[in-house]
Amino acid sequence: MTAQLMKPLFANLLNEGGPLFMYTLLIILIICIGLIVKALLKGDENGKTQKLIASLSLFALVWGFLGQIIGLITAFDFIQSFGNVKPEIIAGGIKVASLSPAFGMVVFLIARLGIIALILKKK
């Protein structure tokens, strides 16, 4: 895929997964990457930055799953009010509900890899 196709695709996924949850996760990802770079370049003598990154990564993971739960509740409300719903609509709802926890897991993993890099740098 070209860069031009990836940009709208990424923006669409951010909007589909629930803007409140997805953009919050994006901001947390940017903050974590910034903290990792800062700690790698300037050092983290007291471990405060490492603890902050760990807390933010765990928050991102839980925030993503909260987005999924709220998305599923909304989808189930829709199904309940309309009764007969096509399987394609249910599959689409499950896909959309799975976007925020997937992105939360990506943020979690990137932040945890940064923590591993910080630990390796100390030794």
PDB file of N, CA and C in Angstrom:
ATOM      1  N   MET A   1       0.830  -1.190   0.000  1.00  0.00           N
ATOM      2  CA  MET A   1       0.000   0.000   0.000  1.00  0.00           C
ATOM      3  C   MET A   1       0.873   1.251   0.000  1.00  0.00           C
ATOM      4  N   THR A   2       0.413   2.244  -0.697  1.00  0.00           N
ATOM      5  CA  THR A   2       1.167   3.480  -0.719  1.00  0.00           C
ATOM      6  C   THR A   2       0.841   4.313   0.514  1.00  0.00           C
ATOM      7  N   ALA A   3       1.669   5.311   0.733  1.00  0.00           N
ATOM      8  CA  ALA A   3       1.470   6.174   1.903  1.00  0.00           C
ATOM      9  C   ALA A   3       0.155   6.935   1.810  1.00  0.00           C
ATOM     10  N   GLN A   4      -0.261   7.274   0.574  1.00  0.00           N
ATOM     11  CA  GLN A   4      -1.514   8.009   0.400  1.00  0.00           C
ATOM     12  C   GLN A   4      -2.715   7.155   0.798  1.00  0.00           C
ATOM     13  N   LEU A   5      -2.644   5.852   0.545  1.00  0.00           N
ATOM     14  CA  LEU A   5      -3.740   4.974   0.929  1.00  0.00           C
ATOM     15  C   LEU A   5      -3.729   4.683   2.416  1.00  0.00           C
ATOM     16  N   MET A   6      -2.545   4.602   3.015  1.00  0.00           N
ATOM     17  CA  MET A   6      -2.436   4.270   4.433  1.00  0.00           C
ATOM     18  C   MET A   6      -2.986   5.384   5.324  1.00  0.00           C
ATOM     19  N   LYS A   7      -2.751   6.638   4.947  1.00  0.00           N
ATOM     20  CA  LYS A   7      -3.200   7.756   5.774  1.00  0.00           C
ATOM     21  C   LYS A   7      -4.718   7.775   5.941  1.00  0.00           C
ATOM     22  N   PRO A   8      -5.499   7.728   4.848  1.00  0.00           N
ATOM     23  CA  PRO A   8      -6.956   7.700   5.050  1.00  0.00           C
ATOM     24  C   PRO A   8      -7.421   6.433   5.756  1.00  0.00           C
ATOM     25  N   LEU A   9      -6.772   5.308   5.480  1.00  0.00           N
ATOM     26  CA  LEU A   9      -7.150   4.065   6.133  1.00  0.00           C
ATOM     27  C   LEU A   9      -6.957   4.174   7.637  1.00  0.00           C
ATOM     28  N   PHE A  10      -5.806   4.710   8.056  1.00  0.00           N
ATOM     29  CA  PHE A  10      -5.530   4.876   9.481  1.00  0.00           C
ATOM     30  C   PHE A  10      -6.523   5.846  10.106  1.00  0.00           C
ATOM     31  N   ALA A  11      -6.810   6.948   9.415  1.00  0.00           N
ATOM     32  CA  ALA A  11      -7.780   7.918   9.940  1.00  0.00           C
ATOM     33  C   ALA A  11      -9.168   7.301  10.035  1.00  0.00           C
ATOM     34  N   ASN A  12      -9.537   6.491   9.051  1.00  0.00           N
ATOM     35  CA  ASN A  12     -10.839   5.827   9.098  1.00  0.00           C
ATOM     36  C   ASN A  12     -10.926   4.872  10.275  1.00  0.00           C
ATOM     37  N   LEU A  13      -9.854   4.120  10.519  1.00  0.00           N
ATOM     38  CA  LEU A  13      -9.857   3.194  11.653  1.00  0.00           C
ATOM     39  C   LEU A  13      -9.958   3.939  12.976  1.00  0.00           C
ATOM     40  N   LEU A  14      -9.284   5.088  13.065  1.00  0.00           N
ATOM     41  CA  LEU A  14      -9.376   5.883  14.294  1.00  0.00           C
ATOM     42  C   LEU A  14     -10.805   6.350  14.527  1.00  0.00           C
ATOM     43  N   ASN A  15     -11.475   6.758  13.465  1.00  0.00           N
ATOM     44  CA  ASN A  15     -12.853   7.237  13.606  1.00  0.00           C
ATOM     45  C   ASN A  15     -13.830   6.086  13.817  1.00  0.00           C
ATOM     46  N   GLU A  16     -13.611   4.960  13.152  1.00  0.00           N
ATOM     47  CA  GLU A  16     -14.516   3.816  13.296  1.00  0.00           C
ATOM     48  C   GLU A  16     -14.465   3.219  14.691  1.00  0.00           C
ATOM     49  N   GLY A  17     -13.293   3.188  15.295  1.00  0.00           N
ATOM     50  CA  GLY A  17     -13.133   2.552  16.593  1.00  0.00           C
ATOM     51  C   GLY A  17     -13.652   3.381  17.753  1.00  0.00           C
ATOM     52  N   GLY A  18     -14.223   4.513  17.463  1.00  0.00           N
ATOM     53  CA  GLY A  18     -14.716   5.407  18.502  1.00  0.00           C
ATOM     54  C   GLY A  18     -13.687   6.495  18.734  1.00  0.00           C
ATOM     55  N   PRO A  19     -13.921   7.693  18.210  1.00  0.00           N
ATOM     56  CA  PRO A  19     -12.914   8.756  18.289  1.00  0.00           C
ATOM     57  C   PRO A  19     -12.437   9.053  19.703  1.00  0.00           C
ATOM     58  N   LEU A  20     -13.328   9.038  20.662  1.00  0.00           N
ATOM     59  CA  LEU A  20     -12.924   9.321  22.040  1.00  0.00           C
ATOM     60  C   LEU A  20     -11.850   8.341  22.493  1.00  0.00           C
ATOM     61  N   PHE A  21     -12.056   7.078  22.234  1.00  0.00           N
ATOM     62  CA  PHE A  21     -11.126   6.064  22.702  1.00  0.00           C
ATOM     63  C   PHE A  21      -9.876   5.999  21.823  1.00  0.00           C
ATOM     64  N   MET A  22     -10.060   6.034  20.521  1.00  0.00           N
ATOM     65  CA  MET A  22      -8.928   5.864  19.617  1.00  0.00           C
ATOM     66  C   MET A  22      -7.982   7.064  19.644  1.00  0.00           C
ATOM     67  N   TYR A  23      -8.507   8.280  19.649  1.00  0.00           N
ATOM     68  CA  TYR A  23      -7.626   9.443  19.676  1.00  0.00           C
ATOM     69  C   TYR A  23      -6.944   9.597  21.030  1.00  0.00           C
ATOM     70  N   THR A  24      -7.623   9.196  22.102  1.00  0.00           N
ATOM     71  CA  THR A  24      -6.972   9.195  23.412  1.00  0.00           C
ATOM     72  C   THR A  24      -5.805   8.223  23.408  1.00  0.00           C
ATOM     73  N   LEU A  25      -6.012   7.048  22.818  1.00  0.00           N
ATOM     74  CA  LEU A  25      -4.927   6.064  22.727  1.00  0.00           C
ATOM     75  C   LEU A  25      -3.790   6.589  21.860  1.00  0.00           C
ATOM     76  N   LEU A  26      -4.105   7.300  20.784  1.00  0.00           N
ATOM     77  CA  LEU A  26      -3.068   7.878  19.936  1.00  0.00           C
ATOM     78  C   LEU A  26      -2.235   8.900  20.711  1.00  0.00           C
ATOM     79  N   ILE A  27      -2.902   9.726  21.500  1.00  0.00           N
ATOM     80  CA  ILE A  27      -2.185  10.713  22.318  1.00  0.00           C
ATOM     81  C   ILE A  27      -1.295  10.006  23.333  1.00  0.00           C
ATOM     82  N   ILE A  28      -1.799   8.955  23.957  1.00  0.00           N
ATOM     83  CA  ILE A  28      -0.989   8.196  24.925  1.00  0.00           C
ATOM     84  C   ILE A  28       0.213   7.573  24.229  1.00  0.00           C
ATOM     85  N   LEU A  29       0.022   7.059  23.021  1.00  0.00           N
ATOM     86  CA  LEU A  29       1.132   6.479  22.260  1.00  0.00           C
ATOM     87  C   LEU A  29       2.204   7.523  21.984  1.00  0.00           C
ATOM     88  N   ILE A  30       1.798   8.700  21.562  1.00  0.00           N
ATOM     89  CA  ILE A  30       2.748   9.777  21.284  1.00  0.00           C
ATOM     90  C   ILE A  30       3.489  10.179  22.550  1.00  0.00           C
ATOM     91  N   ILE A  31       2.770  10.283  23.666  1.00  0.00           N
ATOM     92  CA  ILE A  31       3.402  10.638  24.940  1.00  0.00           C
ATOM     93  C   ILE A  31       4.399   9.563  25.355  1.00  0.00           C
ATOM     94  N   CYS A  32       4.014   8.295  25.228  1.00  0.00           N
ATOM     95  CA  CYS A  32       4.915   7.200  25.608  1.00  0.00           C
ATOM     96  C   CYS A  32       6.177   7.196  24.759  1.00  0.00           C
ATOM     97  N   ILE A  33       6.013   7.385  23.455  1.00  0.00           N
ATOM     98  CA  ILE A  33       7.188   7.414  22.578  1.00  0.00           C
ATOM     99  C   ILE A  33       8.091   8.588  22.954  1.00  0.00           C
ATOM    100  N   GLY A  34       7.502   9.734  23.222  1.00  0.00           N
ATOM    101  CA  GLY A  34       8.290  10.894  23.646  1.00  0.00           C
ATOM    102  C   GLY A  34       9.030  10.645  24.948  1.00  0.00           C
ATOM    103  N   LEU A  35       8.353  10.028  25.912  1.00  0.00           N
ATOM    104  CA  LEU A  35       9.005   9.728  27.193  1.00  0.00           C
ATOM    105  C   LEU A  35      10.123   8.701  27.027  1.00  0.00           C
ATOM    106  N   ILE A  36       9.903   7.720  26.167  1.00  0.00           N
ATOM    107  CA  ILE A  36      10.937   6.704  25.925  1.00  0.00           C
ATOM    108  C   ILE A  36      12.174   7.342  25.303  1.00  0.00           C
ATOM    109  N   VAL A  37      11.958   8.170  24.281  1.00  0.00           N
ATOM    110  CA  VAL A  37      13.081   8.835  23.613  1.00  0.00           C
ATOM    111  C   VAL A  37      13.824   9.736  24.595  1.00  0.00           C
ATOM    112  N   LYS A  38      13.057  10.496  25.383  1.00  0.00           N
ATOM    113  CA  LYS A  38      13.671  11.393  26.371  1.00  0.00           C
ATOM    114  C   LYS A  38      14.503  10.596  27.379  1.00  0.00           C
ATOM    115  N   ALA A  39      13.961   9.502  27.875  1.00  0.00           N
ATOM    116  CA  ALA A  39      14.675   8.703  28.871  1.00  0.00           C
ATOM    117  C   ALA A  39      15.895   8.019  28.262  1.00  0.00           C
ATOM    118  N   LEU A  40      15.795   7.609  27.012  1.00  0.00           N
ATOM    119  CA  LEU A  40      16.951   6.979  26.369  1.00  0.00           C
ATOM    120  C   LEU A  40      18.062   7.992  26.117  1.00  0.00           C
ATOM    121  N   LEU A  41      17.700   9.218  25.773  1.00  0.00           N
ATOM    122  CA  LEU A  41      18.706  10.241  25.472  1.00  0.00           C
ATOM    123  C   LEU A  41      19.278  10.892  26.725  1.00  0.00           C
ATOM    124  N   LYS A  42      18.409  11.228  27.670  1.00  0.00           N
ATOM    125  CA  LYS A  42      18.851  11.969  28.856  1.00  0.00           C
ATOM    126  C   LYS A  42      19.042  11.085  30.080  1.00  0.00           C
ATOM    127  N   GLY A  43      18.521   9.886  30.040  1.00  0.00           N
ATOM    128  CA  GLY A  43      18.636   8.998  31.191  1.00  0.00           C
ATOM    129  C   GLY A  43      17.433   9.122  32.118  1.00  0.00           C
ATOM    130  N   ASP A  44      17.283   8.112  32.943  1.00  0.00           N
ATOM    131  CA  ASP A  44      16.183   8.057  33.915  1.00  0.00           C
ATOM    132  C   ASP A  44      16.751   7.495  35.213  1.00  0.00           C
ATOM    133  N   GLU A  45      17.468   8.327  35.913  1.00  0.00           N
ATOM    134  CA  GLU A  45      18.205   7.875  37.103  1.00  0.00           C
ATOM    135  C   GLU A  45      17.305   7.327  38.203  1.00  0.00           C
ATOM    136  N   ASN A  46      16.220   7.992  38.472  1.00  0.00           N
ATOM    137  CA  ASN A  46      15.362   7.565  39.580  1.00  0.00           C
ATOM    138  C   ASN A  46      14.246   6.604  39.157  1.00  0.00           C
ATOM    139  N   GLY A  47      14.127   6.314  37.873  1.00  0.00           N
ATOM    140  CA  GLY A  47      13.122   5.373  37.399  1.00  0.00           C
ATOM    141  C   GLY A  47      11.715   5.947  37.316  1.00  0.00           C
ATOM    142  N   LYS A  48      11.601   7.254  37.518  1.00  0.00           N
ATOM    143  CA  LYS A  48      10.283   7.892  37.508  1.00  0.00           C
ATOM    144  C   LYS A  48       9.631   7.817  36.127  1.00  0.00           C
ATOM    145  N   THR A  49      10.414   8.070  35.091  1.00  0.00           N
ATOM    146  CA  THR A  49       9.881   8.027  33.727  1.00  0.00           C
ATOM    147  C   THR A  49       9.446   6.615  33.367  1.00  0.00           C
ATOM    148  N   GLN A  50      10.231   5.647  33.769  1.00  0.00           N
ATOM    149  CA  GLN A  50       9.893   4.247  33.492  1.00  0.00           C
ATOM    150  C   GLN A  50       8.577   3.870  34.153  1.00  0.00           C
ATOM    151  N   LYS A  51       8.368   4.304  35.374  1.00  0.00           N
ATOM    152  CA  LYS A  51       7.104   4.022  36.066  1.00  0.00           C
ATOM    153  C   LYS A  51       5.934   4.730  35.398  1.00  0.00           C
ATOM    154  N   LEU A  52       6.169   5.950  34.925  1.00  0.00           N
ATOM    155  CA  LEU A  52       5.120   6.696  34.228  1.00  0.00           C
ATOM    156  C   LEU A  52       4.741   6.001  32.923  1.00  0.00           C
ATOM    157  N   ILE A  53       5.730   5.526  32.186  1.00  0.00           N
ATOM    158  CA  ILE A  53       5.461   4.802  30.937  1.00  0.00           C
ATOM    159  C   ILE A  53       4.680   3.523  31.231  1.00  0.00           C
ATOM    160  N   ALA A  54       5.062   2.816  32.295  1.00  0.00           N
ATOM    161  CA  ALA A  54       4.353   1.589  32.667  1.00  0.00           C
ATOM    162  C   ALA A  54       2.893   1.888  33.019  1.00  0.00           C
ATOM    163  N   SER A  55       2.667   2.950  33.756  1.00  0.00           N
ATOM    164  CA  SER A  55       1.294   3.318  34.120  1.00  0.00           C
ATOM    165  C   SER A  55       0.483   3.729  32.902  1.00  0.00           C
ATOM    166  N   LEU A  56       1.087   4.508  32.021  1.00  0.00           N
ATOM    167  CA  LEU A  56       0.377   4.925  30.811  1.00  0.00           C
ATOM    168  C   LEU A  56       0.056   3.735  29.907  1.00  0.00           C
ATOM    169  N   SER A  57       0.976   2.782  29.825  1.00  0.00           N
ATOM    170  CA  SER A  57       0.727   1.617  28.970  1.00  0.00           C
ATOM    171  C   SER A  57      -0.421   0.778  29.514  1.00  0.00           C
ATOM    172  N   LEU A  58      -0.459   0.606  30.807  1.00  0.00           N
ATOM    173  CA  LEU A  58      -1.555  -0.156  31.405  1.00  0.00           C
ATOM    174  C   LEU A  58      -2.882   0.587  31.246  1.00  0.00           C
ATOM    175  N   PHE A  59      -2.846   1.909  31.407  1.00  0.00           N
ATOM    176  CA  PHE A  59      -4.047   2.714  31.194  1.00  0.00           C
ATOM    177  C   PHE A  59      -4.545   2.552  29.764  1.00  0.00           C
ATOM    178  N   ALA A  60      -3.624   2.563  28.784  1.00  0.00           N
ATOM    179  CA  ALA A  60      -4.006   2.418  27.374  1.00  0.00           C
ATOM    180  C   ALA A  60      -4.691   1.078  27.135  1.00  0.00           C
ATOM    181  N   LEU A  61      -4.162   0.034  27.731  1.00  0.00           N
ATOM    182  CA  LEU A  61      -4.744  -1.292  27.559  1.00  0.00           C
ATOM    183  C   LEU A  61      -6.171  -1.339  28.112  1.00  0.00           C
ATOM    184  N   VAL A  62      -6.343  -0.849  29.319  1.00  0.00           N
ATOM    185  CA  VAL A  62      -7.664  -0.868  29.957  1.00  0.00           C
ATOM    186  C   VAL A  62      -8.626   0.080  29.236  1.00  0.00           C
ATOM    187  N   TRP A  63      -8.133   1.226  28.799  1.00  0.00           N
ATOM    188  CA  TRP A  63      -8.963   2.191  28.072  1.00  0.00           C
ATOM    189  C   TRP A  63      -9.488   1.572  26.773  1.00  0.00           C
ATOM    190  N   GLY A  64      -8.650   0.813  26.096  1.00  0.00           N
ATOM    191  CA  GLY A  64      -9.075   0.141  24.875  1.00  0.00           C
ATOM    192  C   GLY A  64     -10.170  -0.871  25.139  1.00  0.00           C
ATOM    193  N   PHE A  65     -10.023  -1.646  26.198  1.00  0.00           N
ATOM    194  CA  PHE A  65     -11.063  -2.630  26.519  1.00  0.00           C
ATOM    195  C   PHE A  65     -12.348  -1.962  27.005  1.00  0.00           C
ATOM    196  N   LEU A  66     -12.230  -0.829  27.673  1.00  0.00           N
ATOM    197  CA  LEU A  66     -13.429  -0.079  28.048  1.00  0.00           C
ATOM    198  C   LEU A  66     -14.170   0.380  26.796  1.00  0.00           C
ATOM    199  N   GLY A  67     -13.427   0.826  25.794  1.00  0.00           N
ATOM    200  CA  GLY A  67     -14.039   1.206  24.525  1.00  0.00           C
ATOM    201  C   GLY A  67     -14.770   0.046  23.879  1.00  0.00           C
ATOM    202  N   GLN A  68     -14.192  -1.150  23.980  1.00  0.00           N
ATOM    203  CA  GLN A  68     -14.846  -2.321  23.419  1.00  0.00           C
ATOM    204  C   GLN A  68     -16.149  -2.625  24.149  1.00  0.00           C
ATOM    205  N   ILE A  69     -16.125  -2.589  25.462  1.00  0.00           N
ATOM    206  CA  ILE A  69     -17.324  -2.894  26.245  1.00  0.00           C
ATOM    207  C   ILE A  69     -18.438  -1.901  25.919  1.00  0.00           C
ATOM    208  N   ILE A  70     -18.091  -0.626  25.854  1.00  0.00           N
ATOM    209  CA  ILE A  70     -19.110   0.381  25.533  1.00  0.00           C
ATOM    210  C   ILE A  70     -19.622   0.182  24.113  1.00  0.00           C
ATOM    211  N   GLY A  71     -18.731  -0.148  23.181  1.00  0.00           N
ATOM    212  CA  GLY A  71     -19.149  -0.418  21.805  1.00  0.00           C
ATOM    213  C   GLY A  71     -20.066  -1.622  21.704  1.00  0.00           C
ATOM    214  N   LEU A  72     -19.758  -2.681  22.440  1.00  0.00           N
ATOM    215  CA  LEU A  72     -20.607  -3.871  22.412  1.00  0.00           C
ATOM    216  C   LEU A  72     -21.973  -3.604  23.042  1.00  0.00           C
ATOM    217  N   ILE A  73     -21.989  -2.840  24.112  1.00  0.00           N
ATOM    218  CA  ILE A  73     -23.268  -2.498  24.740  1.00  0.00           C
ATOM    219  C   ILE A  73     -24.132  -1.704  23.763  1.00  0.00           C
ATOM    220  N   THR A  74     -23.511  -0.772  23.051  1.00  0.00           N
ATOM    221  CA  THR A  74     -24.240   0.007  22.050  1.00  0.00           C
ATOM    222  C   THR A  74     -24.764  -0.892  20.936  1.00  0.00           C
ATOM    223  N   ALA A  75     -23.924  -1.826  20.481  1.00  0.00           N
ATOM    224  CA  ALA A  75     -24.351  -2.750  19.418  1.00  0.00           C
ATOM    225  C   ALA A  75     -25.496  -3.649  19.891  1.00  0.00           C
ATOM    226  N   PHE A  76     -25.404  -4.128  21.124  1.00  0.00           N
ATOM    227  CA  PHE A  76     -26.466  -4.986  21.652  1.00  0.00           C
ATOM    228  C   PHE A  76     -27.770  -4.208  21.820  1.00  0.00           C
ATOM    229  N   ASP A  77     -27.681  -2.936  22.202  1.00  0.00           N
ATOM    230  CA  ASP A  77     -28.879  -2.091  22.273  1.00  0.00           C
ATOM    231  C   ASP A  77     -29.525  -1.957  20.899  1.00  0.00           C
ATOM    232  N   PHE A  78     -28.696  -1.766  19.873  1.00  0.00           N
ATOM    233  CA  PHE A  78     -29.195  -1.657  18.499  1.00  0.00           C
ATOM    234  C   PHE A  78     -29.885  -2.950  18.076  1.00  0.00           C
ATOM    235  N   ILE A  79     -29.251  -4.080  18.365  1.00  0.00           N
ATOM    236  CA  ILE A  79     -29.827  -5.380  18.002  1.00  0.00           C
ATOM    237  C   ILE A  79     -31.145  -5.602  18.740  1.00  0.00           C
ATOM    238  N   GLN A  80     -31.174  -5.241  20.006  1.00  0.00           N
ATOM    239  CA  GLN A  80     -32.379  -5.431  20.812  1.00  0.00           C
ATOM    240  C   GLN A  80     -33.534  -4.582  20.279  1.00  0.00           C
ATOM    241  N   SER A  81     -33.247  -3.350  19.870  1.00  0.00           N
ATOM    242  CA  SER A  81     -34.336  -2.487  19.439  1.00  0.00           C
ATOM    243  C   SER A  81     -34.856  -2.826  18.040  1.00  0.00           C
ATOM    244  N   PHE A  82     -34.021  -3.418  17.188  1.00  0.00           N
ATOM    245  CA  PHE A  82     -34.475  -3.717  15.833  1.00  0.00           C
ATOM    246  C   PHE A  82     -34.817  -5.187  15.626  1.00  0.00           C
ATOM    247  N   GLY A  83     -34.498  -6.044  16.552  1.00  0.00           N
ATOM    248  CA  GLY A  83     -34.863  -7.453  16.442  1.00  0.00           C
ATOM    249  C   GLY A  83     -34.021  -8.212  15.443  1.00  0.00           C
ATOM    250  N   ASN A  84     -34.599  -8.563  14.323  1.00  0.00           N
ATOM    251  CA  ASN A  84     -33.889  -9.334  13.295  1.00  0.00           C
ATOM    252  C   ASN A  84     -32.786  -8.496  12.668  1.00  0.00           C
ATOM    253  N   VAL A  85     -31.556  -8.876  12.909  1.00  0.00           N
ATOM    254  CA  VAL A  85     -30.414  -8.154  12.355  1.00  0.00           C
ATOM    255  C   VAL A  85     -29.580  -9.145  11.551  1.00  0.00           C
ATOM    256  N   LYS A  86     -29.135  -8.705  10.379  1.00  0.00           N
ATOM    257  CA  LYS A  86     -28.323  -9.557   9.519  1.00  0.00           C
ATOM    258  C   LYS A  86     -26.979  -9.857  10.179  1.00  0.00           C
ATOM    259  N   PRO A  87     -26.431 -11.039   9.936  1.00  0.00           N
ATOM    260  CA  PRO A  87     -25.114 -11.384  10.493  1.00  0.00           C
ATOM    261  C   PRO A  87     -24.011 -10.423  10.046  1.00  0.00           C
ATOM    262  N   GLU A  88     -24.148  -9.837   8.853  1.00  0.00           N
ATOM    263  CA  GLU A  88     -23.147  -8.896   8.365  1.00  0.00           C
ATOM    264  C   GLU A  88     -23.078  -7.659   9.269  1.00  0.00           C
ATOM    265  N   ILE A  89     -24.228  -7.232   9.745  1.00  0.00           N
ATOM    266  CA  ILE A  89     -24.264  -6.064  10.627  1.00  0.00           C
ATOM    267  C   ILE A  89     -23.644  -6.403  11.975  1.00  0.00           C
ATOM    268  N   ILE A  90     -23.937  -7.585  12.476  1.00  0.00           N
ATOM    269  CA  ILE A  90     -23.344  -8.023  13.747  1.00  0.00           C
ATOM    270  C   ILE A  90     -21.826  -8.134  13.608  1.00  0.00           C
ATOM    271  N   ALA A  91     -21.365  -8.721  12.498  1.00  0.00           N
ATOM    272  CA  ALA A  91     -19.923  -8.857  12.269  1.00  0.00           C
ATOM    273  C   ALA A  91     -19.255  -7.487  12.184  1.00  0.00           C
ATOM    274  N   GLY A  92     -19.906  -6.542  11.521  1.00  0.00           N
ATOM    275  CA  GLY A  92     -19.359  -5.184  11.441  1.00  0.00           C
ATOM    276  C   GLY A  92     -19.274  -4.522  12.806  1.00  0.00           C
ATOM    277  N   GLY A  93     -20.296  -4.732  13.623  1.00  0.00           N
ATOM    278  CA  GLY A  93     -20.275  -4.172  14.978  1.00  0.00           C
ATOM    279  C   GLY A  93     -19.175  -4.766  15.834  1.00  0.00           C
ATOM    280  N   ILE A  94     -18.959  -6.065  15.702  1.00  0.00           N
ATOM    281  CA  ILE A  94     -17.892  -6.710  16.471  1.00  0.00           C
ATOM    282  C   ILE A  94     -16.531  -6.216  15.994  1.00  0.00           C
ATOM    283  N   LYS A  95     -16.385  -6.023  14.675  1.00  0.00           N
ATOM    284  CA  LYS A  95     -15.125  -5.503  14.138  1.00  0.00           C
ATOM    285  C   LYS A  95     -14.829  -4.116  14.696  1.00  0.00           C
ATOM    286  N   VAL A  96     -15.829  -3.254  14.661  1.00  0.00           N
ATOM    287  CA  VAL A  96     -15.651  -1.890  15.162  1.00  0.00           C
ATOM    288  C   VAL A  96     -15.338  -1.911  16.660  1.00  0.00           C
ATOM    289  N   ALA A  97     -16.017  -2.783  17.406  1.00  0.00           N
ATOM    290  CA  ALA A  97     -15.781  -2.867  18.851  1.00  0.00           C
ATOM    291  C   ALA A  97     -14.389  -3.417  19.161  1.00  0.00           C
ATOM    292  N   SER A  98     -13.788  -4.133  18.216  1.00  0.00           N
ATOM    293  CA  SER A  98     -12.468  -4.723  18.454  1.00  0.00           C
ATOM    294  C   SER A  98     -11.321  -3.775  18.110  1.00  0.00           C
ATOM    295  N   LEU A  99     -11.609  -2.652  17.467  1.00  0.00           N
ATOM    296  CA  LEU A  99     -10.548  -1.737  17.068  1.00  0.00           C
ATOM    297  C   LEU A  99      -9.862  -1.072  18.255  1.00  0.00           C
ATOM    298  N   SER A 100     -10.621  -0.598  19.225  1.00  0.00           N
ATOM    299  CA  SER A 100      -9.988   0.111  20.344  1.00  0.00           C
ATOM    300  C   SER A 100      -9.147  -0.808  21.230  1.00  0.00           C
ATOM    301  N   PRO A 101      -9.578  -2.040  21.556  1.00  0.00           N
ATOM    302  CA  PRO A 101      -8.663  -2.878  22.331  1.00  0.00           C
ATOM    303  C   PRO A 101      -7.430  -3.292  21.527  1.00  0.00           C
ATOM    304  N   ALA A 102      -7.587  -3.459  20.218  1.00  0.00           N
ATOM    305  CA  ALA A 102      -6.419  -3.811  19.404  1.00  0.00           C
ATOM    306  C   ALA A 102      -5.402  -2.677  19.418  1.00  0.00           C
ATOM    307  N   PHE A 103      -5.867  -1.445  19.273  1.00  0.00           N
ATOM    308  CA  PHE A 103      -4.957  -0.303  19.309  1.00  0.00           C
ATOM    309  C   PHE A 103      -4.386  -0.120  20.712  1.00  0.00           C
ATOM    310  N   GLY A 104      -5.206  -0.365  21.739  1.00  0.00           N
ATOM    311  CA  GLY A 104      -4.700  -0.308  23.116  1.00  0.00           C
ATOM    312  C   GLY A 104      -3.591  -1.315  23.350  1.00  0.00           C
ATOM    313  N   MET A 105      -3.719  -2.507  22.758  1.00  0.00           N
ATOM    314  CA  MET A 105      -2.668  -3.526  22.891  1.00  0.00           C
ATOM    315  C   MET A 105      -1.397  -3.104  22.161  1.00  0.00           C
ATOM    316  N   VAL A 106      -1.554  -2.452  21.004  1.00  0.00           N
ATOM    317  CA  VAL A 106      -0.379  -1.963  20.270  1.00  0.00           C
ATOM    318  C   VAL A 106       0.357  -0.915  21.103  1.00  0.00           C
ATOM    319  N   VAL A 107      -0.390   0.019  21.680  1.00  0.00           N
ATOM    320  CA  VAL A 107       0.215   1.050  22.533  1.00  0.00           C
ATOM    321  C   VAL A 107       0.910   0.397  23.720  1.00  0.00           C
ATOM    322  N   PHE A 108       0.251  -0.570  24.333  1.00  0.00           N
ATOM    323  CA  PHE A 108       0.817  -1.286  25.478  1.00  0.00           C
ATOM    324  C   PHE A 108       2.135  -1.945  25.099  1.00  0.00           C
ATOM    325  N   LEU A 109       2.145  -2.649  23.975  1.00  0.00           N
ATOM    326  CA  LEU A 109       3.352  -3.363  23.555  1.00  0.00           C
ATOM    327  C   LEU A 109       4.492  -2.417  23.213  1.00  0.00           C
ATOM    328  N   ILE A 110       4.200  -1.324  22.514  1.00  0.00           N
ATOM    329  CA  ILE A 110       5.252  -0.363  22.182  1.00  0.00           C
ATOM    330  C   ILE A 110       5.835   0.241  23.440  1.00  0.00           C
ATOM    331  N   ALA A 111       4.970   0.613  24.388  1.00  0.00           N
ATOM    332  CA  ALA A 111       5.455   1.195  25.647  1.00  0.00           C
ATOM    333  C   ALA A 111       6.278   0.176  26.431  1.00  0.00           C
ATOM    334  N   ARG A 112       5.832  -1.068  26.469  1.00  0.00           N
ATOM    335  CA  ARG A 112       6.578  -2.095  27.198  1.00  0.00           C
ATOM    336  C   ARG A 112       7.914  -2.397  26.531  1.00  0.00           C
ATOM    337  N   LEU A 113       7.975  -2.358  25.211  1.00  0.00           N
ATOM    338  CA  LEU A 113       9.263  -2.517  24.532  1.00  0.00           C
ATOM    339  C   LEU A 113      10.203  -1.370  24.897  1.00  0.00           C
ATOM    340  N   GLY A 114       9.646  -0.172  25.020  1.00  0.00           N
ATOM    341  CA  GLY A 114      10.449   0.971  25.460  1.00  0.00           C
ATOM    342  C   GLY A 114      10.983   0.778  26.866  1.00  0.00           C
ATOM    343  N   ILE A 115      10.154   0.222  27.741  1.00  0.00           N
ATOM    344  CA  ILE A 115      10.605  -0.054  29.114  1.00  0.00           C
ATOM    345  C   ILE A 115      11.729  -1.081  29.100  1.00  0.00           C
ATOM    346  N   ILE A 116      11.592  -2.101  28.261  1.00  0.00           N
ATOM    347  CA  ILE A 116      12.658  -3.097  28.149  1.00  0.00           C
ATOM    348  C   ILE A 116      13.943  -2.447  27.675  1.00  0.00           C
ATOM    349  N   ALA A 117      13.842  -1.527  26.700  1.00  0.00           N
ATOM    350  CA  ALA A 117      15.028  -0.817  26.219  1.00  0.00           C
ATOM    351  C   ALA A 117      15.653   0.010  27.329  1.00  0.00           C
ATOM    352  N   LEU A 118      14.822   0.652  28.157  1.00  0.00           N
ATOM    353  CA  LEU A 118      15.352   1.445  29.269  1.00  0.00           C
ATOM    354  C   LEU A 118      16.054   0.562  30.299  1.00  0.00           C
ATOM    355  N   ILE A 119      15.490  -0.599  30.568  1.00  0.00           N
ATOM    356  CA  ILE A 119      16.109  -1.523  31.512  1.00  0.00           C
ATOM    357  C   ILE A 119      17.449  -2.014  30.972  1.00  0.00           C
ATOM    358  N   LEU A 120      17.484  -2.353  29.683  1.00  0.00           N
ATOM    359  CA  LEU A 120      18.732  -2.810  29.076  1.00  0.00           C
ATOM    360  C   LEU A 120      19.782  -1.712  29.047  1.00  0.00           C
ATOM    361  N   LYS A 121      19.355  -0.468  28.885  1.00  0.00           N
ATOM    362  CA  LYS A 121      20.302   0.649  28.869  1.00  0.00           C
ATOM    363  C   LYS A 121      20.956   0.850  30.233  1.00  0.00           C
ATOM    364  N   LYS A 122      20.214   0.583  31.319  1.00  0.00           N
ATOM    365  CA  LYS A 122      20.753   0.758  32.665  1.00  0.00           C
ATOM    366  C   LYS A 122      21.890  -0.205  32.966  1.00  0.00           C
ATOM    367  N   LYS A 123      21.805  -1.408  32.424  1.00  0.00           N
ATOM    368  CA  LYS A 123      22.795  -2.431  32.760  1.00  0.00           C
ATOM    369  C   LYS A 123      24.043  -2.307  31.995  1.00  0.00           C
TER     370      LYS A 123
END
